[in-house]
Amino acid sequence: MNVALMLRWVWRILRGEGGLWLQLIQAKYLRGAPLLACNRTEGSQFWRAIQRIKKDIRLGISFSLGNGKGIQF
Protein backbone atom coordinates (compact mmCIF):
# COMPACT_ATOMS: atom_id res chain seq x y z
CA MET A 1 0.00 0.00 0.00
CA ASN A 2 2.87 2.36 0.76
CA VAL A 3 4.36 1.77 -2.70
CA ALA A 4 1.03 2.69 -4.30
CA LEU A 5 0.87 5.89 -2.26
CA MET A 6 4.44 6.81 -3.12
CA LEU A 7 3.79 6.13 -6.81
CA ARG A 8 0.87 8.55 -6.62
CA TRP A 9 3.19 11.24 -5.24
CA VAL A 10 5.70 10.50 -8.00
CA TRP A 11 2.93 10.83 -10.59
CA ARG A 12 2.12 14.28 -9.19
CA ILE A 13 5.80 15.28 -9.34
CA LEU A 14 6.15 14.10 -12.94
CA ARG A 15 2.98 15.93 -13.97
CA GLY A 16 3.98 19.13 -12.16
CA GLU A 17 0.94 19.05 -9.87
CA GLY A 18 1.80 20.13 -6.39
CA GLY A 19 2.10 23.81 -5.74
CA LEU A 20 4.36 24.82 -2.88
CA TRP A 21 5.45 21.32 -1.79
CA LEU A 22 6.52 20.55 -5.37
CA GLN A 23 8.51 23.78 -5.57
CA LEU A 24 10.29 22.73 -2.38
CA ILE A 25 11.12 19.27 -3.77
CA GLN A 26 12.36 20.80 -7.03
CA ALA A 27 14.55 23.36 -5.28
CA LYS A 28 15.95 21.09 -2.58
CA TYR A 29 16.44 17.78 -4.38
CA LEU A 30 15.93 17.99 -8.14
CA ARG A 31 17.78 21.26 -8.82
CA GLY A 32 16.69 21.33 -12.45
CA ALA A 33 17.18 17.61 -13.11
CA PRO A 34 14.31 15.30 -14.10
CA LEU A 35 13.06 13.09 -11.28
CA LEU A 36 14.25 9.81 -12.80
CA ALA A 37 17.72 11.24 -13.50
CA CYS A 38 18.22 12.55 -9.97
CA ASN A 39 20.41 10.27 -7.84
CA ARG A 40 20.42 12.22 -4.58
CA THR A 41 19.87 9.65 -1.84
CA GLU A 42 20.22 11.89 1.20
CA GLY A 43 17.29 13.87 2.48
CA SER A 44 13.94 13.48 4.14
CA GLN A 45 12.17 10.18 4.72
CA PHE A 46 9.73 11.10 1.93
CA TRP A 47 12.56 11.70 -0.56
CA ARG A 48 14.39 8.49 0.37
CA ALA A 49 11.14 6.54 -0.12
CA ILE A 50 10.82 8.01 -3.62
CA GLN A 51 14.38 7.00 -4.40
CA ARG A 52 13.72 3.43 -3.21
CA ILE A 53 10.80 2.91 -5.61
CA LYS A 54 12.50 4.20 -8.77
CA LYS A 55 12.66 0.68 -10.18
CA ASP A 56 8.87 0.42 -9.82
CA ILE A 57 8.45 3.79 -11.53
CA ARG A 58 10.57 2.73 -14.49
CA LEU A 59 8.57 -0.49 -14.91
CA GLY A 60 5.33 1.36 -15.52
CA ILE A 61 6.32 4.57 -17.24
CA SER A 62 6.23 5.28 -20.95
CA PHE A 63 6.82 8.36 -23.04
CA SER A 64 4.91 9.52 -26.08
CA LEU A 65 6.97 11.50 -28.58
CA GLY A 66 4.09 12.52 -30.82
CA ASN A 67 5.38 14.07 -34.03
CA GLY A 68 8.84 14.66 -32.51
CA LYS A 69 8.91 18.45 -33.00
CA GLY A 70 9.07 19.19 -29.27
CA ILE A 71 11.69 16.58 -28.40
CA GLN A 72 15.37 17.47 -28.03
CA PHE A 73 18.15 14.92 -27.66
C-alpha atoms as a PDB file:
ATOM      1  CA  MET A   1       0.000   0.000   0.000  1.00  0.00           C
ATOM      2  CA  ASN A   2       2.873   2.364   0.764  1.00  0.00           C
ATOM      3  CA  VAL A   3       4.356   1.772  -2.701  1.00  0.00           C
ATOM      4  CA  ALA A   4       1.027   2.689  -4.301  1.00  0.00           C
ATOM      5  CA  LEU A   5       0.865   5.890  -2.259  1.00  0.00           C
ATOM      6  CA  MET A   6       4.444   6.813  -3.123  1.00  0.00           C
ATOM      7  CA  LEU A   7       3.795   6.129  -6.813  1.00  0.00           C
ATOM      8  CA  ARG A   8       0.870   8.554  -6.625  1.00  0.00           C
ATOM      9  CA  TRP A   9       3.191  11.240  -5.237  1.00  0.00           C
ATOM     10  CA  VAL A  10       5.701  10.496  -7.999  1.00  0.00           C
ATOM     11  CA  TRP A  11       2.929  10.828 -10.586  1.00  0.00           C
ATOM     12  CA  ARG A  12       2.123  14.276  -9.193  1.00  0.00           C
ATOM     13  CA  ILE A  13       5.801  15.284  -9.343  1.00  0.00           C
ATOM     14  CA  LEU A  14       6.152  14.097 -12.937  1.00  0.00           C
ATOM     15  CA  ARG A  15       2.977  15.930 -13.971  1.00  0.00           C
ATOM     16  CA  GLY A  16       3.982  19.130 -12.159  1.00  0.00           C
ATOM     17  CA  GLU A  17       0.939  19.050  -9.870  1.00  0.00           C
ATOM     18  CA  GLY A  18       1.795  20.130  -6.393  1.00  0.00           C
ATOM     19  CA  GLY A  19       2.095  23.812  -5.741  1.00  0.00           C
ATOM     20  CA  LEU A  20       4.360  24.815  -2.881  1.00  0.00           C
ATOM     21  CA  TRP A  21       5.447  21.316  -1.793  1.00  0.00           C
ATOM     22  CA  LEU A  22       6.521  20.553  -5.368  1.00  0.00           C
ATOM     23  CA  GLN A  23       8.514  23.783  -5.566  1.00  0.00           C
ATOM     24  CA  LEU A  24      10.294  22.730  -2.375  1.00  0.00           C
ATOM     25  CA  ILE A  25      11.123  19.269  -3.775  1.00  0.00           C
ATOM     26  CA  GLN A  26      12.363  20.796  -7.034  1.00  0.00           C
ATOM     27  CA  ALA A  27      14.554  23.364  -5.281  1.00  0.00           C
ATOM     28  CA  LYS A  28      15.949  21.095  -2.584  1.00  0.00           C
ATOM     29  CA  TYR A  29      16.439  17.782  -4.383  1.00  0.00           C
ATOM     30  CA  LEU A  30      15.929  17.990  -8.136  1.00  0.00           C
ATOM     31  CA  ARG A  31      17.781  21.259  -8.824  1.00  0.00           C
ATOM     32  CA  GLY A  32      16.687  21.334 -12.453  1.00  0.00           C
ATOM     33  CA  ALA A  33      17.179  17.606 -13.111  1.00  0.00           C
ATOM     34  CA  PRO A  34      14.310  15.300 -14.096  1.00  0.00           C
ATOM     35  CA  LEU A  35      13.057  13.087 -11.282  1.00  0.00           C
ATOM     36  CA  LEU A  36      14.252   9.810 -12.798  1.00  0.00           C
ATOM     37  CA  ALA A  37      17.717  11.242 -13.498  1.00  0.00           C
ATOM     38  CA  CYS A  38      18.222  12.552  -9.970  1.00  0.00           C
ATOM     39  CA  ASN A  39      20.407  10.269  -7.840  1.00  0.00           C
ATOM     40  CA  ARG A  40      20.418  12.223  -4.578  1.00  0.00           C
ATOM     41  CA  THR A  41      19.866   9.655  -1.839  1.00  0.00           C
ATOM     42  CA  GLU A  42      20.216  11.894   1.203  1.00  0.00           C
ATOM     43  CA  GLY A  43      17.289  13.867   2.481  1.00  0.00           C
ATOM     44  CA  SER A  44      13.936  13.476   4.139  1.00  0.00           C
ATOM     45  CA  GLN A  45      12.172  10.178   4.722  1.00  0.00           C
ATOM     46  CA  PHE A  46       9.734  11.101   1.928  1.00  0.00           C
ATOM     47  CA  TRP A  47      12.556  11.701  -0.562  1.00  0.00           C
ATOM     48  CA  ARG A  48      14.388   8.491   0.371  1.00  0.00           C
ATOM     49  CA  ALA A  49      11.142   6.540  -0.124  1.00  0.00           C
ATOM     50  CA  ILE A  50      10.816   8.005  -3.624  1.00  0.00           C
ATOM     51  CA  GLN A  51      14.385   6.997  -4.401  1.00  0.00           C
ATOM     52  CA  ARG A  52      13.724   3.428  -3.212  1.00  0.00           C
ATOM     53  CA  ILE A  53      10.796   2.914  -5.613  1.00  0.00           C
ATOM     54  CA  LYS A  54      12.501   4.203  -8.770  1.00  0.00           C
ATOM     55  CA  LYS A  55      12.661   0.677 -10.182  1.00  0.00           C
ATOM     56  CA  ASP A  56       8.871   0.422  -9.824  1.00  0.00           C
ATOM     57  CA  ILE A  57       8.450   3.788 -11.529  1.00  0.00           C
ATOM     58  CA  ARG A  58      10.573   2.731 -14.492  1.00  0.00           C
ATOM     59  CA  LEU A  59       8.567  -0.488 -14.912  1.00  0.00           C
ATOM     60  CA  GLY A  60       5.332   1.357 -15.517  1.00  0.00           C
ATOM     61  CA  ILE A  61       6.322   4.570 -17.244  1.00  0.00           C
ATOM     62  CA  SER A  62       6.226   5.283 -20.948  1.00  0.00           C
ATOM     63  CA  PHE A  63       6.816   8.365 -23.040  1.00  0.00           C
ATOM     64  CA  SER A  64       4.913   9.519 -26.083  1.00  0.00           C
ATOM     65  CA  LEU A  65       6.971  11.496 -28.582  1.00  0.00           C
ATOM     66  CA  GLY A  66       4.095  12.523 -30.815  1.00  0.00           C
ATOM     67  CA  ASN A  67       5.380  14.068 -34.028  1.00  0.00           C
ATOM     68  CA  GLY A  68       8.838  14.663 -32.508  1.00  0.00           C
ATOM     69  CA  LYS A  69       8.913  18.454 -32.996  1.00  0.00           C
ATOM     70  CA  GLY A  70       9.067  19.193 -29.267  1.00  0.00           C
ATOM     71  CA  ILE A  71      11.695  16.579 -28.396  1.00  0.00           C
ATOM     72  CA  GLN A  72      15.373  17.471 -28.026  1.00  0.00           C
ATOM     73  CA  PHE A  73      18.153  14.921 -27.659  1.00  0.00           C
END
